[in-house]
């Protein structure tokens, strides 16, 4: 900005000095900008509440083990289940993209009748990845 000192004829300067006016206006503009509340456009959404005790997933996507006990109990990955629950778990295992391995291990004094029933349930379910485990305990006849 250029400053003018007046005219050459010696007359006093009659024009208003604009610099202080512009400074005051800039300060007022800054104060006005700072006093405006921040515009927030929010939508209130009720999010679902997480279940503190989710039911454990009974069917492992990698490997599941069926154990038959001498007390005629069926254990699925260590949990006692019924024959109807066994059918449900086998059907659920077939829904995975890759079918999980199913291991069958009856204990030494388990009932042959229960073993036959469980094997028929497994066969009827259509499970293809099936194997007997724990047979190494019976390599020598008469030892458990």
N, C-alpha and C. Protein backbone atom coordinates (compact mmCIF):
# COMPACT_ATOMS: atom_id res chain seq x y z
N UNK A 1 0.84 -1.17 0.00
CA UNK A 1 0.00 0.00 0.00
C UNK A 1 0.89 1.25 0.00
N UNK A 2 0.42 2.17 -0.68
CA UNK A 2 1.19 3.43 -0.75
C UNK A 2 0.62 4.43 0.23
N UNK A 3 1.50 5.20 0.77
CA UNK A 3 1.07 6.24 1.70
C UNK A 3 1.10 7.58 0.97
N UNK A 4 0.10 8.32 1.28
CA UNK A 4 0.12 9.67 0.69
C UNK A 4 0.27 10.68 1.82
N UNK A 5 1.05 11.63 1.61
CA UNK A 5 1.33 12.66 2.62
C UNK A 5 0.49 13.90 2.43
N UNK A 6 -0.44 13.89 1.54
CA UNK A 6 -1.25 15.08 1.27
C UNK A 6 -0.92 15.62 -0.11
N UNK A 7 -1.49 16.76 -0.38
CA UNK A 7 -1.23 17.38 -1.67
C UNK A 7 -0.03 18.31 -1.57
N UNK A 8 0.45 18.67 -2.70
CA UNK A 8 1.61 19.57 -2.72
C UNK A 8 1.23 21.02 -2.43
N UNK A 9 -0.03 21.32 -2.44
CA UNK A 9 -0.42 22.72 -2.24
C UNK A 9 -0.48 23.11 -0.78
N UNK A 10 -0.22 22.18 0.16
CA UNK A 10 -0.16 22.50 1.56
C UNK A 10 -1.48 22.37 2.28
N UNK A 11 -2.51 21.92 1.59
CA UNK A 11 -3.82 21.74 2.24
C UNK A 11 -3.79 20.48 3.09
N UNK A 12 -4.51 20.50 4.19
CA UNK A 12 -4.52 19.29 5.04
C UNK A 12 -5.18 18.11 4.32
N UNK A 13 -4.78 16.91 4.73
CA UNK A 13 -5.30 15.71 4.11
C UNK A 13 -6.72 15.47 4.64
N UNK A 14 -7.68 15.31 3.76
CA UNK A 14 -9.07 15.16 4.14
C UNK A 14 -9.56 13.71 3.96
N UNK A 15 -8.70 12.81 3.54
CA UNK A 15 -9.11 11.43 3.32
C UNK A 15 -8.91 10.60 4.60
N UNK A 16 -9.77 9.64 4.78
CA UNK A 16 -9.72 8.78 5.96
C UNK A 16 -8.64 7.71 5.77
N UNK A 17 -7.89 7.39 6.83
CA UNK A 17 -6.88 6.35 6.78
C UNK A 17 -7.61 5.01 6.89
N UNK A 18 -7.52 4.16 5.87
CA UNK A 18 -8.27 2.91 5.80
C UNK A 18 -7.56 1.75 6.50
N UNK A 19 -6.28 1.84 6.76
CA UNK A 19 -5.54 0.72 7.34
C UNK A 19 -6.07 0.31 8.71
N UNK A 20 -6.27 1.22 9.67
CA UNK A 20 -6.82 0.77 10.96
C UNK A 20 -8.24 0.21 10.84
N UNK A 21 -9.03 0.75 9.93
CA UNK A 21 -10.39 0.26 9.73
C UNK A 21 -10.37 -1.17 9.21
N UNK A 22 -9.52 -1.45 8.26
CA UNK A 22 -9.41 -2.80 7.72
C UNK A 22 -8.90 -3.75 8.80
N UNK A 23 -7.95 -3.34 9.61
CA UNK A 23 -7.43 -4.18 10.70
C UNK A 23 -8.55 -4.54 11.69
N UNK A 24 -9.35 -3.55 12.06
CA UNK A 24 -10.44 -3.80 13.00
C UNK A 24 -11.46 -4.74 12.37
N UNK A 25 -11.78 -4.56 11.12
CA UNK A 25 -12.74 -5.43 10.44
C UNK A 25 -12.21 -6.87 10.34
N UNK A 26 -10.92 -7.05 10.08
CA UNK A 26 -10.34 -8.40 10.02
C UNK A 26 -10.39 -9.08 11.39
N UNK A 27 -10.12 -8.33 12.47
CA UNK A 27 -10.20 -8.90 13.82
C UNK A 27 -11.63 -9.29 14.12
N UNK A 28 -12.60 -8.46 13.77
CA UNK A 28 -14.01 -8.79 14.00
C UNK A 28 -14.43 -10.01 13.18
N UNK A 29 -13.94 -10.12 11.96
CA UNK A 29 -14.25 -11.27 11.12
C UNK A 29 -13.70 -12.56 11.73
N UNK A 30 -12.49 -12.50 12.24
CA UNK A 30 -11.89 -13.68 12.88
C UNK A 30 -12.68 -14.06 14.13
N UNK A 31 -13.07 -13.06 14.93
CA UNK A 31 -13.87 -13.35 16.13
C UNK A 31 -15.21 -13.96 15.75
N UNK A 32 -15.82 -13.49 14.69
CA UNK A 32 -17.09 -14.03 14.23
C UNK A 32 -16.93 -15.47 13.76
N UNK A 33 -15.87 -15.76 13.02
CA UNK A 33 -15.63 -17.13 12.53
C UNK A 33 -15.40 -18.09 13.69
N UNK A 34 -14.67 -17.64 14.70
CA UNK A 34 -14.40 -18.50 15.84
C UNK A 34 -15.63 -18.73 16.71
N UNK A 35 -16.57 -17.80 16.68
CA UNK A 35 -17.75 -17.95 17.54
C UNK A 35 -18.84 -18.81 16.90
N UNK A 36 -18.73 -19.14 15.63
CA UNK A 36 -19.73 -19.98 14.96
C UNK A 36 -19.54 -21.43 15.43
N UNK A 37 -20.60 -22.09 15.87
CA UNK A 37 -20.45 -23.50 16.30
C UNK A 37 -20.16 -24.39 15.09
N UNK A 38 -19.46 -25.47 15.36
CA UNK A 38 -19.11 -26.41 14.30
C UNK A 38 -20.38 -27.10 13.84
N UNK A 39 -20.58 -27.13 12.55
CA UNK A 39 -21.76 -27.77 12.00
C UNK A 39 -21.56 -29.28 12.01
N UNK A 40 -22.40 -29.95 12.77
CA UNK A 40 -22.31 -31.42 12.81
C UNK A 40 -23.62 -31.99 12.30
N UNK A 41 -23.49 -32.82 11.32
CA UNK A 41 -24.64 -33.50 10.75
C UNK A 41 -24.55 -34.95 11.21
N UNK A 42 -25.26 -35.26 12.25
CA UNK A 42 -25.18 -36.62 12.78
C UNK A 42 -26.55 -37.25 12.79
N UNK A 43 -26.53 -38.57 12.67
CA UNK A 43 -27.76 -39.35 12.73
C UNK A 43 -27.60 -40.32 13.89
N UNK A 44 -28.56 -40.30 14.79
CA UNK A 44 -28.51 -41.20 15.92
C UNK A 44 -28.97 -42.59 15.48
N UNK A 45 -28.11 -43.59 15.75
CA UNK A 45 -28.40 -44.97 15.38
C UNK A 45 -28.33 -45.82 16.63
N UNK A 46 -29.32 -46.64 16.83
CA UNK A 46 -29.30 -47.58 17.94
C UNK A 46 -28.57 -48.84 17.48
N UNK A 47 -27.36 -49.02 17.99
CA UNK A 47 -26.56 -50.19 17.62
C UNK A 47 -26.99 -51.39 18.46
N UNK A 48 -26.86 -52.58 17.89
CA UNK A 48 -27.23 -53.76 18.68
C UNK A 48 -26.24 -53.97 19.82
N UNK A 49 -26.76 -54.49 20.91
CA UNK A 49 -25.95 -54.74 22.09
C UNK A 49 -25.35 -56.14 21.96
N UNK A 50 -24.06 -56.25 22.23
CA UNK A 50 -23.40 -57.54 22.13
C UNK A 50 -23.85 -58.45 23.26
N UNK A 51 -24.01 -59.71 22.92
CA UNK A 51 -24.40 -60.70 23.92
C UNK A 51 -23.18 -61.02 24.78
N UNK A 52 -23.25 -60.82 26.10
CA UNK A 52 -22.06 -61.05 26.92
C UNK A 52 -21.65 -62.52 26.97
N UNK A 53 -22.60 -63.43 26.79
CA UNK A 53 -22.29 -64.86 26.82
C UNK A 53 -22.77 -65.51 25.52
N UNK A 54 -21.99 -65.37 24.44
CA UNK A 54 -22.44 -65.97 23.19
C UNK A 54 -22.38 -67.49 23.29
N UNK A 55 -23.31 -68.16 22.64
CA UNK A 55 -23.26 -69.63 22.70
C UNK A 55 -22.01 -70.13 22.00
N UNK A 56 -21.33 -71.08 22.60
CA UNK A 56 -20.11 -71.58 21.97
C UNK A 56 -20.44 -72.34 20.69
N UNK A 57 -19.59 -72.16 19.72
CA UNK A 57 -19.78 -72.86 18.46
C UNK A 57 -19.40 -74.32 18.67
N UNK A 58 -20.37 -75.20 18.58
CA UNK A 58 -20.14 -76.61 18.87
C UNK A 58 -19.38 -77.31 17.75
N UNK A 59 -19.53 -76.85 16.53
CA UNK A 59 -18.89 -77.51 15.39
C UNK A 59 -17.64 -76.75 15.01
N UNK A 60 -16.51 -77.40 15.16
CA UNK A 60 -15.22 -76.81 14.80
C UNK A 60 -15.06 -76.90 13.28
N UNK A 61 -14.66 -75.82 12.60
CA UNK A 61 -14.53 -75.87 11.14
C UNK A 61 -13.32 -76.68 10.66
N UNK A 62 -12.45 -77.14 11.55
CA UNK A 62 -11.26 -77.88 11.15
C UNK A 62 -11.40 -79.37 11.47
N UNK A 63 -11.67 -79.69 12.75
CA UNK A 63 -11.67 -81.09 13.17
C UNK A 63 -12.64 -81.26 14.33
N UNK A 64 -13.46 -82.30 14.25
CA UNK A 64 -14.40 -82.64 15.32
C UNK A 64 -14.16 -84.09 15.73
N UNK A 65 -14.34 -84.35 17.01
CA UNK A 65 -14.06 -85.69 17.54
C UNK A 65 -15.27 -86.22 18.29
N UNK A 66 -15.66 -87.45 17.94
CA UNK A 66 -16.74 -88.15 18.62
C UNK A 66 -16.12 -89.24 19.47
N UNK A 67 -16.43 -89.22 20.76
CA UNK A 67 -15.93 -90.24 21.69
C UNK A 67 -17.14 -90.92 22.31
N UNK A 68 -17.11 -92.26 22.35
CA UNK A 68 -18.17 -93.03 22.99
C UNK A 68 -17.63 -93.56 24.31
N UNK A 69 -18.38 -93.37 25.38
CA UNK A 69 -17.92 -93.77 26.71
C UNK A 69 -18.59 -95.08 27.13
N UNK A 70 -18.05 -95.76 28.13
CA UNK A 70 -18.69 -96.98 28.64
C UNK A 70 -20.06 -96.72 29.27
N UNK A 71 -20.36 -95.49 29.63
CA UNK A 71 -21.66 -95.14 30.22
C UNK A 71 -22.70 -94.83 29.14
N UNK A 72 -22.45 -95.23 27.90
CA UNK A 72 -23.34 -94.99 26.74
C UNK A 72 -23.56 -93.50 26.50
N UNK A 73 -22.52 -92.71 26.67
CA UNK A 73 -22.58 -91.27 26.39
C UNK A 73 -21.85 -91.00 25.09
N UNK A 74 -22.36 -90.04 24.34
CA UNK A 74 -21.70 -89.58 23.12
C UNK A 74 -21.09 -88.23 23.44
N UNK A 75 -19.79 -88.10 23.25
CA UNK A 75 -19.09 -86.83 23.49
C UNK A 75 -18.69 -86.23 22.15
N UNK A 76 -19.09 -84.99 21.93
CA UNK A 76 -18.71 -84.25 20.72
C UNK A 76 -17.73 -83.18 21.16
N UNK A 77 -16.49 -83.31 20.79
CA UNK A 77 -15.41 -82.39 21.20
C UNK A 77 -15.40 -82.22 22.72
N UNK A 78 -15.69 -83.31 23.45
CA UNK A 78 -15.64 -83.29 24.90
C UNK A 78 -16.95 -82.94 25.59
N UNK A 79 -17.99 -82.54 24.83
CA UNK A 79 -19.29 -82.18 25.42
C UNK A 79 -20.28 -83.32 25.19
N UNK A 80 -21.03 -83.67 26.24
CA UNK A 80 -22.02 -84.73 26.14
C UNK A 80 -23.19 -84.26 25.28
N UNK A 81 -23.58 -85.09 24.30
CA UNK A 81 -24.70 -84.75 23.41
C UNK A 81 -25.59 -85.97 23.24
N UNK A 82 -26.78 -85.75 22.69
CA UNK A 82 -27.71 -86.85 22.39
C UNK A 82 -27.55 -87.23 20.92
N UNK A 83 -28.24 -88.30 20.52
CA UNK A 83 -28.15 -88.73 19.13
C UNK A 83 -28.79 -87.70 18.20
N UNK A 84 -29.85 -87.04 18.64
CA UNK A 84 -30.49 -86.00 17.82
C UNK A 84 -29.56 -84.81 17.63
N UNK A 85 -28.84 -84.46 18.69
CA UNK A 85 -27.88 -83.36 18.58
C UNK A 85 -26.72 -83.75 17.67
N UNK A 86 -26.34 -85.03 17.71
CA UNK A 86 -25.28 -85.51 16.82
C UNK A 86 -25.68 -85.33 15.36
N UNK A 87 -26.93 -85.66 15.05
CA UNK A 87 -27.41 -85.48 13.67
C UNK A 87 -27.35 -84.00 13.29
N UNK A 88 -27.76 -83.12 14.20
CA UNK A 88 -27.74 -81.67 13.91
C UNK A 88 -26.31 -81.18 13.70
N UNK A 89 -25.37 -81.65 14.54
CA UNK A 89 -23.98 -81.23 14.38
C UNK A 89 -23.39 -81.74 13.07
N UNK A 90 -23.73 -82.94 12.69
CA UNK A 90 -23.21 -83.49 11.42
C UNK A 90 -23.76 -82.69 10.24
N UNK A 91 -25.03 -82.33 10.30
CA UNK A 91 -25.60 -81.53 9.21
C UNK A 91 -24.97 -80.13 9.17
N UNK A 92 -24.71 -79.57 10.35
CA UNK A 92 -24.06 -78.25 10.39
C UNK A 92 -22.63 -78.33 9.85
N UNK A 93 -21.94 -79.43 10.09
CA UNK A 93 -20.56 -79.55 9.60
C UNK A 93 -20.53 -79.62 8.07
N UNK A 94 -21.61 -80.08 7.46
CA UNK A 94 -21.65 -80.15 5.99
C UNK A 94 -21.91 -78.79 5.34
N UNK A 95 -22.27 -77.78 6.14
CA UNK A 95 -22.55 -76.46 5.57
C UNK A 95 -21.29 -75.63 5.35
N UNK A 96 -20.16 -76.04 5.92
CA UNK A 96 -18.91 -75.29 5.75
C UNK A 96 -18.40 -75.44 4.32
N UNK A 97 -17.63 -74.44 3.87
CA UNK A 97 -17.07 -74.50 2.51
C UNK A 97 -16.14 -75.69 2.38
N UNK A 98 -15.31 -75.92 3.38
CA UNK A 98 -14.44 -77.09 3.42
C UNK A 98 -14.94 -77.96 4.57
N UNK A 99 -15.29 -79.19 4.24
CA UNK A 99 -15.86 -80.08 5.26
C UNK A 99 -14.82 -80.39 6.33
N UNK A 100 -15.16 -80.21 7.61
CA UNK A 100 -14.20 -80.53 8.67
C UNK A 100 -14.01 -82.04 8.82
N UNK A 101 -12.85 -82.40 9.33
CA UNK A 101 -12.53 -83.81 9.55
C UNK A 101 -13.32 -84.31 10.76
N UNK A 102 -13.87 -85.50 10.65
CA UNK A 102 -14.62 -86.10 11.75
C UNK A 102 -13.85 -87.32 12.24
N UNK A 103 -13.48 -87.30 13.51
CA UNK A 103 -12.71 -88.40 14.10
C UNK A 103 -13.62 -89.19 15.04
N UNK A 104 -13.53 -90.50 14.96
CA UNK A 104 -14.38 -91.39 15.77
C UNK A 104 -13.47 -92.23 16.66
N UNK A 105 -13.69 -92.13 17.98
CA UNK A 105 -12.85 -92.88 18.92
C UNK A 105 -13.71 -93.41 20.06
N UNK A 106 -14.13 -94.67 19.96
CA UNK A 106 -14.83 -95.26 21.11
C UNK A 106 -13.84 -95.67 22.18
N UNK A 107 -14.23 -95.50 23.44
CA UNK A 107 -13.37 -95.92 24.54
C UNK A 107 -13.39 -97.46 24.63
N UNK A 108 -12.42 -98.06 25.34
CA UNK A 108 -12.29 -99.53 25.32
C UNK A 108 -13.55 -100.29 25.74
N UNK A 109 -14.29 -99.82 26.70
CA UNK A 109 -15.46 -100.56 27.18
C UNK A 109 -16.78 -100.00 26.65
N UNK A 110 -16.73 -99.21 25.57
CA UNK A 110 -17.94 -98.62 24.99
C UNK A 110 -18.80 -99.71 24.36
N UNK A 111 -20.09 -99.47 24.35
CA UNK A 111 -21.05 -100.44 23.83
C UNK A 111 -20.92 -100.58 22.31
N UNK A 112 -20.95 -101.85 21.85
CA UNK A 112 -20.93 -102.09 20.40
C UNK A 112 -22.23 -101.60 19.77
N UNK A 113 -23.33 -101.74 20.49
CA UNK A 113 -24.62 -101.30 19.97
C UNK A 113 -24.61 -99.79 19.73
N UNK A 114 -24.10 -99.02 20.69
CA UNK A 114 -24.03 -97.56 20.52
C UNK A 114 -23.07 -97.20 19.39
N UNK A 115 -21.97 -97.94 19.29
CA UNK A 115 -21.01 -97.68 18.21
C UNK A 115 -21.66 -97.90 16.85
N UNK A 116 -22.42 -98.97 16.72
CA UNK A 116 -23.09 -99.26 15.45
C UNK A 116 -24.13 -98.19 15.13
N UNK A 117 -24.88 -97.75 16.15
CA UNK A 117 -25.89 -96.71 15.92
C UNK A 117 -25.24 -95.40 15.48
N UNK A 118 -24.14 -95.03 16.16
CA UNK A 118 -23.47 -93.78 15.82
C UNK A 118 -22.86 -93.87 14.42
N UNK A 119 -22.28 -94.99 14.08
CA UNK A 119 -21.71 -95.15 12.74
C UNK A 119 -22.79 -95.09 11.67
N UNK A 120 -23.98 -95.63 11.95
CA UNK A 120 -25.08 -95.53 10.99
C UNK A 120 -25.55 -94.09 10.84
N UNK A 121 -25.58 -93.35 11.94
CA UNK A 121 -25.95 -91.93 11.87
C UNK A 121 -24.95 -91.16 11.03
N UNK A 122 -23.66 -91.44 11.23
CA UNK A 122 -22.61 -90.76 10.47
C UNK A 122 -22.73 -91.11 8.99
N UNK A 123 -22.95 -92.37 8.69
CA UNK A 123 -23.07 -92.80 7.30
C UNK A 123 -24.28 -92.15 6.63
N UNK A 124 -25.40 -92.09 7.34
CA UNK A 124 -26.62 -91.50 6.78
C UNK A 124 -26.50 -89.99 6.58
N UNK A 125 -25.62 -89.35 7.35
CA UNK A 125 -25.50 -87.89 7.24
C UNK A 125 -24.78 -87.46 5.97
N UNK A 126 -23.99 -88.33 5.39
CA UNK A 126 -23.27 -87.98 4.16
C UNK A 126 -21.90 -87.39 4.40
N UNK A 127 -21.37 -87.52 5.61
CA UNK A 127 -20.03 -87.02 5.91
C UNK A 127 -19.01 -87.84 5.13
N UNK A 128 -18.06 -87.16 4.49
CA UNK A 128 -17.06 -87.87 3.68
C UNK A 128 -15.69 -87.88 4.33
N UNK A 129 -15.35 -86.87 5.11
CA UNK A 129 -14.04 -86.83 5.78
C UNK A 129 -14.19 -87.46 7.15
N UNK A 130 -14.01 -88.76 7.21
CA UNK A 130 -14.26 -89.53 8.42
C UNK A 130 -13.08 -90.44 8.67
N UNK A 131 -12.70 -90.59 9.94
CA UNK A 131 -11.60 -91.49 10.26
C UNK A 131 -11.69 -92.01 11.67
N UNK A 132 -11.12 -93.20 11.86
CA UNK A 132 -11.02 -93.81 13.18
C UNK A 132 -9.69 -93.40 13.79
N UNK A 133 -9.70 -92.93 15.02
CA UNK A 133 -8.47 -92.54 15.70
C UNK A 133 -8.34 -93.34 16.98
N UNK A 134 -7.14 -93.46 17.48
CA UNK A 134 -6.89 -94.16 18.73
C UNK A 134 -6.75 -95.66 18.55
N UNK A 135 -6.67 -96.15 17.32
CA UNK A 135 -6.57 -97.59 17.09
C UNK A 135 -5.21 -98.14 17.50
N UNK A 136 -4.23 -97.28 17.62
CA UNK A 136 -2.88 -97.77 17.99
C UNK A 136 -2.87 -98.39 19.37
N UNK A 137 -3.86 -98.07 20.19
CA UNK A 137 -3.93 -98.66 21.53
C UNK A 137 -4.27 -100.15 21.46
N UNK A 138 -4.82 -100.58 20.34
CA UNK A 138 -5.31 -101.96 20.23
C UNK A 138 -4.46 -102.78 19.26
N UNK A 139 -3.21 -102.44 19.06
CA UNK A 139 -2.34 -103.20 18.14
C UNK A 139 -2.15 -104.63 18.61
N UNK A 140 -2.03 -104.78 19.89
CA UNK A 140 -1.86 -106.12 20.46
C UNK A 140 -3.20 -106.49 21.09
N UNK A 141 -3.75 -107.61 20.68
CA UNK A 141 -5.07 -108.05 21.15
C UNK A 141 -5.03 -108.30 22.66
N UNK A 142 -6.04 -107.83 23.34
CA UNK A 142 -6.15 -108.05 24.78
C UNK A 142 -5.57 -106.94 25.62
N UNK A 143 -4.93 -105.94 25.00
CA UNK A 143 -4.38 -104.81 25.76
C UNK A 143 -5.22 -103.57 25.48
N UNK A 144 -5.45 -102.79 26.51
CA UNK A 144 -6.24 -101.57 26.33
C UNK A 144 -5.41 -100.37 26.73
